[in-house]
């Protein structure tokens, strides 16, 4: 399965990097490494995660983030990478 990260999700990753890098130098890189590892796992496991608001939702193993994606044919498209600590209404608005 191919994995495609859409522009909106890419921006989410950049925002997360900036947040964690501002906390501790180097933590932003660890954040990206961790999230890309989770995203790469979709090559094997896309489509097995529970659905939320019409998207599959993969919870990150190391950070409180969720990866929202859809599967079309043999492509998993990542639409959003969102912080689970934020207001759920904001998540719902973003995914609509």
C-alpha atoms as a PDB file:
ATOM      1  CA  UNK A   1       0.000   0.000   0.000  1.00  0.00           C
ATOM      2  CA  UNK A   2       1.265   3.474  -0.875  1.00  0.00           C
ATOM      3  CA  UNK A   3       0.975   6.254   1.700  1.00  0.00           C
ATOM      4  CA  UNK A   4       0.317   9.841   0.666  1.00  0.00           C
ATOM      5  CA  UNK A   5       0.510  12.745   3.116  1.00  0.00           C
ATOM      6  CA  UNK A   6      -1.753  15.598   2.037  1.00  0.00           C
ATOM      7  CA  UNK A   7      -0.689  19.225   2.429  1.00  0.00           C
ATOM      8  CA  UNK A   8      -2.960  19.814   5.440  1.00  0.00           C
ATOM      9  CA  UNK A   9      -1.446  16.866   7.295  1.00  0.00           C
ATOM     10  CA  UNK A  10       2.054  18.005   6.366  1.00  0.00           C
ATOM     11  CA  UNK A  11       1.288  21.383   7.939  1.00  0.00           C
ATOM     12  CA  UNK A  12       0.022  19.593  11.074  1.00  0.00           C
ATOM     13  CA  UNK A  13       3.371  17.804  11.314  1.00  0.00           C
ATOM     14  CA  UNK A  14       5.275  21.076  10.909  1.00  0.00           C
ATOM     15  CA  UNK A  15       3.147  22.710  13.617  1.00  0.00           C
ATOM     16  CA  UNK A  16       3.769  19.771  15.964  1.00  0.00           C
ATOM     17  CA  UNK A  17       7.503  19.938  15.250  1.00  0.00           C
ATOM     18  CA  UNK A  18       7.589  23.644  16.106  1.00  0.00           C
ATOM     19  CA  UNK A  19       5.642  23.113  19.319  1.00  0.00           C
ATOM     20  CA  UNK A  20       7.872  20.333  20.626  1.00  0.00           C
ATOM     21  CA  UNK A  21      11.084  21.965  19.438  1.00  0.00           C
ATOM     22  CA  UNK A  22      10.119  25.080  21.437  1.00  0.00           C
ATOM     23  CA  UNK A  23       9.792  22.880  24.547  1.00  0.00           C
ATOM     24  CA  UNK A  24      13.173  21.143  24.310  1.00  0.00           C
ATOM     25  CA  UNK A  25      15.760  21.374  21.556  1.00  0.00           C
ATOM     26  CA  UNK A  26      15.764  18.107  19.573  1.00  0.00           C
ATOM     27  CA  UNK A  27      12.310  17.008  20.737  1.00  0.00           C
ATOM     28  CA  UNK A  28      10.798  18.257  17.467  1.00  0.00           C
ATOM     29  CA  UNK A  29      13.011  15.874  15.511  1.00  0.00           C
ATOM     30  CA  UNK A  30      12.012  13.000  17.787  1.00  0.00           C
ATOM     31  CA  UNK A  31       8.361  13.959  17.263  1.00  0.00           C
ATOM     32  CA  UNK A  32       8.741  13.815  13.478  1.00  0.00           C
ATOM     33  CA  UNK A  33      10.675  10.533  13.595  1.00  0.00           C
ATOM     34  CA  UNK A  34       7.971   8.996  15.767  1.00  0.00           C
ATOM     35  CA  UNK A  35       5.041  10.244  13.704  1.00  0.00           C
ATOM     36  CA  UNK A  36       6.633   9.253  10.399  1.00  0.00           C
ATOM     37  CA  UNK A  37       7.232   5.783  11.843  1.00  0.00           C
ATOM     38  CA  UNK A  38       3.529   5.580  12.714  1.00  0.00           C
ATOM     39  CA  UNK A  39       2.567   6.844   9.249  1.00  0.00           C
ATOM     40  CA  UNK A  40       4.931   4.378   7.566  1.00  0.00           C
ATOM     41  CA  UNK A  41       3.147   1.543   9.389  1.00  0.00           C
ATOM     42  CA  UNK A  42       0.126   2.298   7.188  1.00  0.00           C
ATOM     43  CA  UNK A  43       1.944   0.557   4.341  1.00  0.00           C
ATOM     44  CA  UNK A  44       1.094  -2.692   6.109  1.00  0.00           C
ATOM     45  CA  UNK A  45      -1.810  -1.857   8.398  1.00  0.00           C
ATOM     46  CA  UNK A  46      -3.947   0.716   6.570  1.00  0.00           C
ATOM     47  CA  UNK A  47      -7.634   0.083   7.027  1.00  0.00           C
ATOM     48  CA  UNK A  48      -7.490  -1.882  10.284  1.00  0.00           C
ATOM     49  CA  UNK A  49      -7.868   1.066  12.667  1.00  0.00           C
ATOM     50  CA  UNK A  50     -11.163   2.182  14.194  1.00  0.00           C
ATOM     51  CA  UNK A  51     -13.094   4.820  12.311  1.00  0.00           C
ATOM     52  CA  UNK A  52     -13.958   8.250  13.670  1.00  0.00           C
ATOM     53  CA  UNK A  53     -16.054  10.777  11.737  1.00  0.00           C
ATOM     54  CA  UNK A  54     -15.607   8.779   8.549  1.00  0.00           C
ATOM     55  CA  UNK A  55     -11.792   8.538   8.791  1.00  0.00           C
ATOM     56  CA  UNK A  56      -9.588   5.760  10.024  1.00  0.00           C
ATOM     57  CA  UNK A  57      -7.782   6.915  13.169  1.00  0.00           C
ATOM     58  CA  UNK A  58      -4.320   5.666  14.082  1.00  0.00           C
ATOM     59  CA  UNK A  59      -3.138   6.772  17.533  1.00  0.00           C
ATOM     60  CA  UNK A  60       0.550   7.570  17.743  1.00  0.00           C
ATOM     61  CA  UNK A  61       2.596   5.316  19.996  1.00  0.00           C
ATOM     62  CA  UNK A  62       4.760   8.029  21.591  1.00  0.00           C
ATOM     63  CA  UNK A  63       2.896  11.339  21.362  1.00  0.00           C
ATOM     64  CA  UNK A  64      -0.735  12.278  22.069  1.00  0.00           C
ATOM     65  CA  UNK A  65      -1.542  12.634  18.366  1.00  0.00           C
ATOM     66  CA  UNK A  66      -3.985  10.896  16.047  1.00  0.00           C
ATOM     67  CA  UNK A  67      -3.416  10.277  12.361  1.00  0.00           C
ATOM     68  CA  UNK A  68      -6.611  10.489  10.310  1.00  0.00           C
ATOM     69  CA  UNK A  69      -6.575   8.800   6.918  1.00  0.00           C
ATOM     70  CA  UNK A  70      -8.729   7.309   4.179  1.00  0.00           C
ATOM     71  CA  UNK A  71      -8.015   4.348   1.933  1.00  0.00           C
ATOM     72  CA  UNK A  72      -8.749   4.580  -1.790  1.00  0.00           C
ATOM     73  CA  UNK A  73      -7.709   1.532  -3.765  1.00  0.00           C
ATOM     74  CA  UNK A  74      -4.099   0.850  -2.837  1.00  0.00           C
ATOM     75  CA  UNK A  75      -3.388   4.322  -1.438  1.00  0.00           C
ATOM     76  CA  UNK A  76      -3.733   5.472   2.163  1.00  0.00           C
ATOM     77  CA  UNK A  77      -4.151   9.268   2.184  1.00  0.00           C
ATOM     78  CA  UNK A  78      -3.296  11.020   5.444  1.00  0.00           C
ATOM     79  CA  UNK A  79      -5.678  13.971   5.819  1.00  0.00           C
ATOM     80  CA  UNK A  80      -4.787  15.219   9.299  1.00  0.00           C
ATOM     81  CA  UNK A  81      -2.380  14.677  12.186  1.00  0.00           C
ATOM     82  CA  UNK A  82      -4.077  16.204  15.214  1.00  0.00           C
ATOM     83  CA  UNK A  83      -3.246  16.677  18.879  1.00  0.00           C
ATOM     84  CA  UNK A  84      -5.629  14.584  21.010  1.00  0.00           C
ATOM     85  CA  UNK A  85      -5.371  17.072  23.889  1.00  0.00           C
ATOM     86  CA  UNK A  86      -7.229  19.742  21.958  1.00  0.00           C
ATOM     87  CA  UNK A  87     -10.944  20.459  22.091  1.00  0.00           C
ATOM     88  CA  UNK A  88     -12.819  17.598  20.340  1.00  0.00           C
ATOM     89  CA  UNK A  89     -15.073  20.155  18.643  1.00  0.00           C
ATOM     90  CA  UNK A  90     -12.020  21.579  16.895  1.00  0.00           C
ATOM     91  CA  UNK A  91     -11.124  18.084  15.665  1.00  0.00           C
ATOM     92  CA  UNK A  92     -14.651  17.526  14.393  1.00  0.00           C
ATOM     93  CA  UNK A  93     -14.640  20.876  12.580  1.00  0.00           C
ATOM     94  CA  UNK A  94     -11.296  20.084  10.972  1.00  0.00           C
ATOM     95  CA  UNK A  95     -12.445  16.681   9.724  1.00  0.00           C
ATOM     96  CA  UNK A  96     -15.750  17.858   8.233  1.00  0.00           C
END
